Amino acid sequence: MVYQVRLDLMPISNLFVKGHRIRLDISSSDFPKFDVNGNTGENPGTSPAKVTALNTVYHDENRPSHALLPVIPRARISGWSG
């Protein structure tokens, strides 16, 4: 089954040096911040059952996944002297 997911992140910024690349990691877990997700639908805090998750990000014509990253021109970066 395929689900559409939209993630709106808090405002963040990073100045990338020419030639640097961006990596996007997709995960089913954020341990130890949250309890381990057993991927069974049961309460992860009380159920010992665990099933390995399989995450798939589709990027074909019918399911065009993307990450929208705005680019702010240097002139608008406060204090930029580069």
Protein backbone atom coordinates (compact mmCIF):
# COMPACT_ATOMS: atom_id res chain seq x y z
CA MET A 1 0.00 0.00 0.00
CA VAL A 2 1.31 3.47 -0.91
CA TYR A 3 0.66 6.51 1.29
CA GLN A 4 1.19 10.15 0.46
CA VAL A 5 3.06 11.90 3.25
CA ARG A 6 3.77 15.61 3.57
CA LEU A 7 6.28 16.81 6.14
CA ASP A 8 6.42 20.47 7.04
CA LEU A 9 9.60 21.20 8.96
CA MET A 10 10.40 24.05 11.28
CA PRO A 11 12.38 26.86 9.64
CA ILE A 12 16.05 25.94 9.51
CA SER A 13 18.95 27.08 7.39
CA ASN A 14 22.37 26.00 6.27
CA LEU A 15 24.93 27.66 4.07
CA PHE A 16 26.26 25.11 1.59
CA VAL A 17 29.69 25.46 0.08
CA LYS A 18 29.86 25.01 -3.69
CA GLY A 19 30.03 21.30 -4.48
CA HIS A 20 28.41 20.13 -1.25
CA ARG A 21 25.44 17.76 -1.48
CA ILE A 22 22.28 17.22 0.54
CA ARG A 23 21.23 13.80 1.84
CA LEU A 24 17.70 12.96 2.96
CA ASP A 25 17.38 9.98 5.33
CA ILE A 26 14.06 8.12 5.66
CA SER A 27 13.60 6.08 8.83
CA SER A 28 10.87 4.31 10.82
CA SER A 29 12.52 5.06 14.13
CA ASP A 30 13.93 7.85 16.26
CA PHE A 31 15.27 5.84 19.21
CA PRO A 32 16.09 6.86 21.93
CA LYS A 33 13.96 10.00 21.49
CA PHE A 34 10.90 7.76 21.05
CA ASP A 35 10.24 4.12 21.98
CA VAL A 36 11.31 1.59 19.36
CA ASN A 37 8.47 1.08 16.88
CA GLY A 38 7.70 -2.64 16.58
CA ASN A 39 5.85 -1.97 13.27
CA THR A 40 2.95 -4.18 14.40
CA GLY A 41 0.39 -1.54 15.34
CA GLU A 42 0.63 -2.66 18.97
CA ASN A 43 1.73 -0.39 21.80
CA PRO A 44 5.51 -0.08 21.32
CA GLY A 45 6.00 0.54 25.04
CA THR A 46 4.43 -2.74 26.16
CA SER A 47 4.55 -5.16 23.22
CA PRO A 48 7.66 -7.30 22.74
CA ALA A 49 6.65 -8.08 19.11
CA LYS A 50 8.92 -6.59 16.46
CA VAL A 51 8.68 -6.72 12.67
CA THR A 52 11.31 -5.26 10.34
CA ALA A 53 9.98 -2.23 8.46
CA LEU A 54 10.47 -1.74 4.74
CA ASN A 55 10.38 1.90 3.66
CA THR A 56 10.10 2.72 -0.03
CA VAL A 57 10.21 6.21 -1.51
CA TYR A 58 8.73 6.20 -4.99
CA HIS A 59 9.91 8.66 -7.60
CA ASP A 60 8.31 7.60 -10.86
CA GLU A 61 5.90 9.41 -13.18
CA ASN A 62 2.82 8.45 -11.14
CA ARG A 63 4.42 9.04 -7.72
CA PRO A 64 6.79 12.00 -8.11
CA SER A 65 8.40 12.26 -4.67
CA HIS A 66 10.39 15.41 -4.07
CA ALA A 67 11.90 17.66 -1.43
CA LEU A 68 11.28 21.38 -1.85
CA LEU A 69 14.22 23.38 -0.54
CA PRO A 70 14.00 27.15 -0.97
CA VAL A 71 17.16 29.01 -1.96
CA ILE A 72 17.72 32.42 -0.42
CA PRO A 73 20.00 34.72 -2.44
CA ARG A 74 23.18 35.86 -0.69
CA ALA A 75 22.03 39.48 -0.68
CA ARG A 76 19.16 38.53 1.67
CA ILE A 77 21.35 36.69 4.20
CA SER A 78 21.85 38.97 7.18
CA GLY A 79 25.50 39.57 7.92
CA TRP A 80 26.73 37.69 4.84
CA SER A 81 30.17 38.86 3.80
CA GLY A 82 31.20 36.10 1.41
